[in-house]
Amino acid sequence: MEHVTWLRLQEAARLLAADEQVVAEVAHQVGFESERAFRTAFHKAFGCSPSAYRSRSRTSHQSHHVISEGTGPERAGSRGGGLRGLGGRAYPGLDGVKGARTLDLAAVANARFSRGARPWFGDAPLLGLRPTLRRIHGVPFRILDEAAGPSFVLMRSRKMARDETGRALPVEVSIPIGRRVRWLFVLHACAWAALPVGLARYVFRRTGGAEAGIVVRALGTAHPEEPDGSEANIQDWYFGYEPQQWEDARAWNLPSSRDPAATPQYLYTLRWKNPDPGVPLERLVITSRPEVEATLGVLAVTVY
C-alpha cells in the first residue's frame, strides 16, 4: 500500500472514531474519489468495514489503529486555537535575545520543495514555503529559494537512496559554524516514518575535538508514553500523523498558500542548549541511517 494512501486511511480512522460523519463524507474528506474505493482500501488496511471500525472504537473508547493523541507531550492544537495556532508560541528565554545567526545551507542543499520530478520526499510536494527569513517558534530561519537551486538537505535512507538524477544521497553532511553558541535550532521534517525509530543524528563538534549529539527520533504510530515513543522528538510531516509538541521540539503547521483549505503540512523545530557555551562550535555534522525507511530533510539552522 502506498504511503500516502496509508496516511489517508489513518486520518479516516481518526475521523470515524471521533465524530458522526457518514462514511461517504469521510471518504471524500481524506481524498478518495469514490466511497467504494475507500471501503475496499479501508478493509484491506484494518480488516473490517469503516462502520464496524467505528462501532469497535466507540466500544473500547480507544482504537489501537488511530494514532494516539498522547498526554506526555502537549497535544498539538490543545492551546492557541487549534492546529492553526502551531508555530506562534516562542521557545522560552528568547524574548529580547539578540545575536541570532542563520547558517548557510546552500553549499550542501541537494533537493527542492516543489520543483522537479520528485520534489520534497518523493511522494508529494511541500507547498507554500517561500524563500524568506521566517520566524518560527520565535526563531528566525533562512529559507532557501528553490528557483535559484536546491533548497534543503535530503539525507539518505532505505526509502530514498538517490535523488531524481540518480546520484546517491548523502549519509553525512557537515555545516561550518565557527563561533560560540548558546542555543542551536534546526528546522527540519521527516517522511516514511510509520515506525518509531532513530533516523539521524546531529553531532555538535567543538574546537579541540570534543563533541555532543542528539538523536533525531521519529514517533511514528507509537504512543508518546510508550517506551518506543518516549524519546521521540519529530513526527512524520504528513497529515495522517498526529503532530506533537515537546519541550525541545515543536510542530509547525504550514498551510498551503495555493490552497488554504488543503491538508496541513508539518515541519518541526528542534532546540539544543549547549552545555559548554564558552567553547566555540566548529561545525554541525548531520548523519543519517541508510538502513531505515524514515527519511530526514533539513531546511534551516540558526544559532545564538
Protein backbone atom coordinates (compact mmCIF):
# COMPACT_ATOMS: atom_id res chain seq x y z
CA MET A 1 0.00 0.00 0.00
CA GLU A 2 1.33 3.43 -0.93
CA HIS A 3 2.47 5.70 1.89
CA VAL A 4 0.01 8.48 1.02
CA THR A 5 -2.92 6.03 0.87
CA TRP A 6 -2.00 4.62 4.27
CA LEU A 7 -1.84 8.11 5.76
CA ARG A 8 -5.26 8.95 4.32
CA LEU A 9 -6.68 5.79 5.86
CA GLN A 10 -5.17 6.65 9.23
CA GLU A 11 -6.83 10.06 9.09
CA ALA A 12 -10.11 8.37 8.12
CA ALA A 13 -9.83 6.05 11.12
CA ARG A 14 -9.34 9.03 13.39
CA LEU A 15 -12.40 10.77 11.94
CA LEU A 16 -14.55 7.65 12.25
CA ALA A 17 -13.63 7.27 15.91
CA ALA A 18 -14.05 10.95 16.74
CA ASP A 19 -17.31 12.12 15.14
CA GLU A 20 -20.55 11.15 13.42
CA GLN A 21 -19.69 11.88 9.78
CA VAL A 22 -21.18 9.40 7.36
CA VAL A 23 -18.72 7.11 5.61
CA ALA A 24 -19.13 8.83 2.25
CA GLU A 25 -18.19 12.19 3.78
CA VAL A 26 -15.13 10.71 5.46
CA ALA A 27 -14.05 9.11 2.18
CA HIS A 28 -14.33 12.44 0.38
CA GLN A 29 -12.60 14.39 3.16
CA VAL A 30 -9.49 12.21 3.11
CA GLY A 31 -9.19 12.29 -0.68
CA PHE A 32 -10.77 9.13 -2.10
CA GLU A 33 -12.57 9.50 -5.43
CA SER A 34 -15.35 7.07 -4.51
CA GLU A 35 -16.87 5.55 -1.40
CA ARG A 36 -16.40 2.08 -2.87
CA ALA A 37 -12.66 2.58 -3.35
CA PHE A 38 -12.42 3.92 0.19
CA ARG A 39 -14.30 0.97 1.70
CA THR A 40 -12.11 -1.52 -0.19
CA ALA A 41 -8.88 0.15 0.91
CA PHE A 42 -10.07 0.56 4.50
CA HIS A 43 -10.99 -3.12 4.82
CA LYS A 44 -7.61 -4.11 3.40
CA ALA A 45 -5.79 -1.91 5.92
CA PHE A 46 -7.83 -2.56 9.07
CA GLY A 47 -9.56 -5.88 8.41
CA CYS A 48 -13.08 -4.55 8.85
CA SER A 49 -15.54 -2.09 7.34
CA PRO A 50 -15.49 1.61 8.31
CA SER A 51 -18.79 1.19 10.18
CA ALA A 52 -17.51 -1.81 12.13
CA TYR A 53 -14.33 0.07 12.96
CA ARG A 54 -16.37 2.98 14.31
CA SER A 55 -18.51 0.69 16.47
CA ARG A 56 -15.49 -1.13 17.83
CA SER A 57 -13.62 2.07 18.66
CA ARG A 58 -16.67 3.51 20.43
CA THR A 59 -16.99 0.35 22.50
CA SER A 60 -13.37 0.29 23.60
CA HIS A 61 -13.06 4.09 23.80
CA GLN A 62 -9.67 3.76 22.23
CA SER A 63 -8.62 2.43 18.84
CA HIS A 64 -5.24 0.80 18.55
CA HIS A 65 -5.19 1.79 14.89
CA VAL A 66 -5.69 5.51 15.40
CA ILE A 67 -2.54 7.48 16.09
CA SER A 68 -2.53 8.35 19.77
CA GLU A 69 -3.06 11.91 20.92
CA GLY A 70 -0.98 11.34 24.00
CA THR A 71 -0.76 13.09 27.33
CA GLY A 72 3.02 13.25 27.69
CA PRO A 73 3.85 15.96 25.14
CA GLU A 74 1.30 18.73 24.73
CA ARG A 75 -1.17 17.71 22.07
CA ALA A 76 -0.94 19.95 19.02
CA GLY A 77 -3.89 22.25 18.89
CA SER A 78 -4.77 21.92 22.57
CA ARG A 79 -3.90 25.58 23.05
CA GLY A 80 -3.86 28.63 20.86
CA GLY A 81 -6.91 27.95 18.73
CA GLY A 82 -6.25 24.53 17.24
CA LEU A 83 -3.80 23.46 14.55
CA ARG A 84 -3.61 26.94 13.07
CA GLY A 85 -2.03 28.05 16.33
CA LEU A 86 1.03 25.87 15.81
CA GLY A 87 4.13 27.96 15.27
CA GLY A 88 3.15 31.08 17.16
CA ARG A 89 4.47 30.32 20.64
CA ALA A 90 8.16 31.11 21.08
CA TYR A 91 10.61 28.94 22.97
CA PRO A 92 11.11 30.39 26.46
CA GLY A 93 14.14 32.57 27.01
CA LEU A 94 14.30 34.07 23.51
CA ASP A 95 12.47 37.33 24.23
CA GLY A 96 14.88 40.19 23.72
CA VAL A 97 17.81 37.89 22.93
CA LYS A 98 19.97 39.20 20.09
CA GLY A 99 22.78 37.70 18.06
CA ALA A 100 20.90 35.09 16.02
CA ARG A 101 22.86 33.84 13.03
CA THR A 102 21.34 31.75 10.26
CA LEU A 103 23.73 29.18 8.80
CA ASP A 104 24.13 28.99 5.03
CA LEU A 105 22.97 25.61 3.73
CA ALA A 106 23.33 26.46 0.04
CA ALA A 107 26.60 24.53 -0.31
CA VAL A 108 25.07 21.28 0.99
CA ALA A 109 21.43 21.59 -0.14
CA ASN A 110 20.54 18.89 -2.67
CA ALA A 111 16.74 18.82 -3.12
CA ARG A 112 13.77 21.11 -3.76
CA PHE A 113 10.41 21.59 -2.06
CA SER A 114 8.07 21.52 -5.05
CA ARG A 115 10.07 21.60 -8.30
CA GLY A 116 11.34 18.66 -10.32
CA ALA A 117 10.15 15.12 -10.93
CA ARG A 118 10.46 14.00 -7.29
CA PRO A 119 10.31 17.03 -5.01
CA TRP A 120 10.40 17.05 -1.21
CA PHE A 121 10.33 13.41 -0.02
CA GLY A 122 9.41 11.97 -3.40
CA ASP A 123 5.67 11.40 -2.96
CA ALA A 124 4.10 14.87 -2.68
CA PRO A 125 5.46 18.44 -2.89
CA LEU A 126 5.81 20.84 0.02
CA LEU A 127 3.72 23.85 -0.98
CA GLY A 128 3.60 27.36 0.39
CA LEU A 129 7.10 27.75 1.85
CA ARG A 130 8.52 30.94 0.37
CA PRO A 131 12.20 31.95 0.34
CA THR A 132 12.50 34.40 3.20
CA LEU A 133 13.75 34.98 6.72
CA ARG A 134 10.86 33.39 8.59
CA ARG A 135 10.30 33.46 12.34
CA ILE A 136 9.02 30.13 13.68
CA HIS A 137 8.60 29.49 17.41
CA GLY A 138 10.42 32.77 17.99
CA VAL A 139 13.48 31.73 15.94
CA PRO A 140 14.47 33.32 12.60
CA PHE A 141 15.13 30.68 9.93
CA ARG A 142 16.53 31.42 6.47
CA ILE A 143 14.57 29.52 3.78
CA LEU A 144 16.48 28.99 0.53
CA ASP A 145 14.97 29.87 -2.85
CA GLU A 146 14.29 26.70 -4.84
CA ALA A 147 14.07 28.78 -8.02
CA ALA A 148 17.78 29.50 -7.63
CA GLY A 149 18.87 25.97 -6.75
CA PRO A 150 18.37 23.18 -4.21
CA SER A 151 16.50 24.45 -1.16
CA PHE A 152 17.04 21.86 1.58
CA VAL A 153 19.24 18.93 2.62
CA LEU A 154 17.76 15.49 1.96
CA MET A 155 19.55 12.66 3.77
CA ARG A 156 19.86 9.08 2.57
CA SER A 157 17.53 6.35 3.83
CA ARG A 158 16.42 2.93 2.68
CA LYS A 159 13.34 4.55 1.14
CA MET A 160 15.25 7.35 -0.58
CA ALA A 161 18.78 6.35 -1.52
CA ARG A 162 19.20 8.54 -4.62
CA ASP A 163 17.98 11.86 -5.92
CA GLU A 164 15.96 12.28 -9.12
CA THR A 165 19.16 12.39 -11.21
CA GLY A 166 20.37 9.06 -9.84
CA ARG A 167 23.07 10.45 -7.57
CA ALA A 168 23.44 8.89 -4.14
CA LEU A 169 22.03 11.00 -1.33
CA PRO A 170 24.46 11.79 1.49
CA VAL A 171 24.79 9.82 4.71
CA GLU A 172 26.82 12.63 6.28
CA VAL A 173 26.71 16.39 5.80
CA SER A 174 28.96 18.94 7.53
CA ILE A 175 27.91 22.57 8.12
CA PRO A 176 30.54 25.06 9.40
CA ILE A 177 29.68 27.18 12.46
CA GLY A 178 32.93 28.63 13.85
CA ARG A 179 31.63 30.58 16.86
CA ARG A 180 30.47 30.28 20.44
CA VAL A 181 26.89 29.06 20.64
CA ARG A 182 24.35 29.12 23.47
CA TRP A 183 21.47 27.55 21.53
CA LEU A 184 21.17 25.84 18.19
CA PHE A 185 17.83 25.46 16.42
CA VAL A 186 17.01 23.22 13.45
CA LEU A 187 14.01 23.49 11.12
CA HIS A 188 13.51 20.01 9.69
CA ALA A 189 10.99 17.35 8.67
CA CYS A 190 10.78 13.62 8.18
CA ALA A 191 8.81 11.23 5.99
CA TRP A 192 8.18 7.49 5.66
CA ALA A 193 8.28 7.38 9.45
CA ALA A 194 5.50 4.93 10.32
CA LEU A 195 7.72 3.17 12.86
CA PRO A 196 9.23 4.73 15.98
CA VAL A 197 12.90 4.84 15.08
CA GLY A 198 16.08 6.87 15.30
CA LEU A 199 16.66 8.09 11.76
CA ALA A 200 19.56 10.52 12.09
CA ARG A 201 21.95 12.24 14.48
CA TYR A 202 23.06 15.83 14.90
CA VAL A 203 26.66 15.96 16.10
CA PHE A 204 27.98 19.26 17.52
CA ARG A 205 31.77 19.31 17.17
CA ARG A 206 33.68 21.74 19.33
CA THR A 207 37.05 23.29 18.66
CA GLY A 208 39.58 20.86 20.08
CA GLY A 209 37.71 17.71 19.12
CA ALA A 210 35.07 17.27 21.84
CA GLU A 211 31.53 16.72 20.65
CA ALA A 212 27.93 16.33 21.76
CA GLY A 213 24.95 14.96 19.90
CA ILE A 214 21.19 14.49 19.58
CA VAL A 215 19.45 11.51 18.01
CA VAL A 216 16.57 12.52 15.73
CA ARG A 217 13.90 10.01 16.68
CA ALA A 218 10.52 9.68 14.94
CA LEU A 219 7.37 8.90 16.94
CA GLY A 220 5.51 7.21 14.09
CA THR A 221 2.47 5.26 15.26
CA ALA A 222 3.80 4.76 18.79
CA HIS A 223 2.20 6.37 21.82
CA PRO A 224 4.37 9.15 23.31
CA GLU A 225 4.30 7.47 26.73
CA GLU A 226 5.25 4.02 25.47
CA PRO A 227 8.93 3.00 25.62
CA ASP A 228 9.24 3.16 21.83
CA GLY A 229 7.88 6.71 21.73
CA SER A 230 9.15 8.25 24.95
CA GLU A 231 12.34 9.65 23.40
CA ALA A 232 10.81 10.90 20.15
CA ASN A 233 11.42 14.47 19.00
CA ILE A 234 9.95 14.53 15.49
CA GLN A 235 6.88 13.21 13.67
CA ASP A 236 6.13 12.48 10.01
CA TRP A 237 5.30 15.63 8.05
CA TYR A 238 2.06 14.31 6.55
CA PHE A 239 -1.40 15.00 7.98
CA GLY A 240 -2.17 11.41 8.94
CA TYR A 241 0.23 11.60 11.88
CA GLU A 242 -0.88 13.50 14.99
CA PRO A 243 1.52 16.45 15.37
CA GLN A 244 3.30 16.71 18.71
CA GLN A 245 4.76 19.38 20.97
CA TRP A 246 7.71 18.54 23.23
CA GLU A 247 9.82 20.74 25.46
CA ASP A 248 12.66 20.96 22.93
CA ALA A 249 10.84 20.08 19.70
CA ARG A 250 7.66 21.56 18.26
CA ALA A 251 5.39 21.06 15.27
CA TRP A 252 4.70 23.94 12.90
CA ASN A 253 1.70 23.80 10.60
CA LEU A 254 2.44 25.13 7.12
CA PRO A 255 -0.86 25.82 5.30
CA SER A 256 -0.64 25.78 1.53
CA SER A 257 -0.65 29.29 0.08
CA ARG A 258 -2.09 27.86 -3.14
CA ASP A 259 -4.99 26.24 -1.33
CA PRO A 260 -5.63 27.44 2.26
CA ALA A 261 -8.13 24.60 2.73
CA ALA A 262 -5.57 21.94 1.80
CA THR A 263 -4.46 19.28 4.26
CA PRO A 264 -1.90 20.54 6.78
CA GLN A 265 1.82 20.00 6.34
CA TYR A 266 4.01 19.78 9.43
CA LEU A 267 7.59 20.89 9.87
CA TYR A 268 9.38 20.67 13.21
CA THR A 269 11.82 22.82 15.09
CA LEU A 270 14.41 21.28 17.40
CA ARG A 271 16.24 23.15 20.17
CA TRP A 272 19.66 22.20 21.55
CA LYS A 273 21.06 24.02 24.57
CA ASN A 274 24.85 23.94 24.57
CA PRO A 275 26.10 22.71 27.98
CA ASP A 276 29.51 24.30 27.31
CA PRO A 277 28.84 27.64 25.55
CA GLY A 278 32.29 29.02 26.30
CA VAL A 279 33.98 26.69 23.79
CA PRO A 280 33.39 27.54 20.11
CA LEU A 281 31.45 25.07 18.00
CA GLU A 282 33.42 24.17 14.90
CA ARG A 283 30.61 22.56 12.91
CA LEU A 284 27.31 20.70 12.85
CA VAL A 285 27.53 17.22 11.35
CA ILE A 286 24.32 15.51 10.24
CA THR A 287 24.43 11.73 9.86
CA SER A 288 21.56 9.54 8.67
CA ARG A 289 20.80 5.84 8.99
CA PRO A 290 20.54 4.49 5.43
CA GLU A 291 19.20 1.16 6.66
CA VAL A 292 15.88 2.60 7.92
CA GLU A 293 12.97 3.89 5.81
CA ALA A 294 12.37 7.07 7.81
CA THR A 295 13.93 9.97 5.93
CA LEU A 296 15.21 13.33 7.20
CA GLY A 297 15.12 16.69 5.45
CA VAL A 298 16.87 19.73 6.96
CA LEU A 299 15.58 23.13 5.86
CA ALA A 300 17.41 25.65 8.04
CA VAL A 301 19.73 26.02 11.04
CA THR A 302 20.03 29.03 13.36
CA VAL A 303 22.43 29.61 16.24
CA TYR A 304 22.50 32.10 19.12
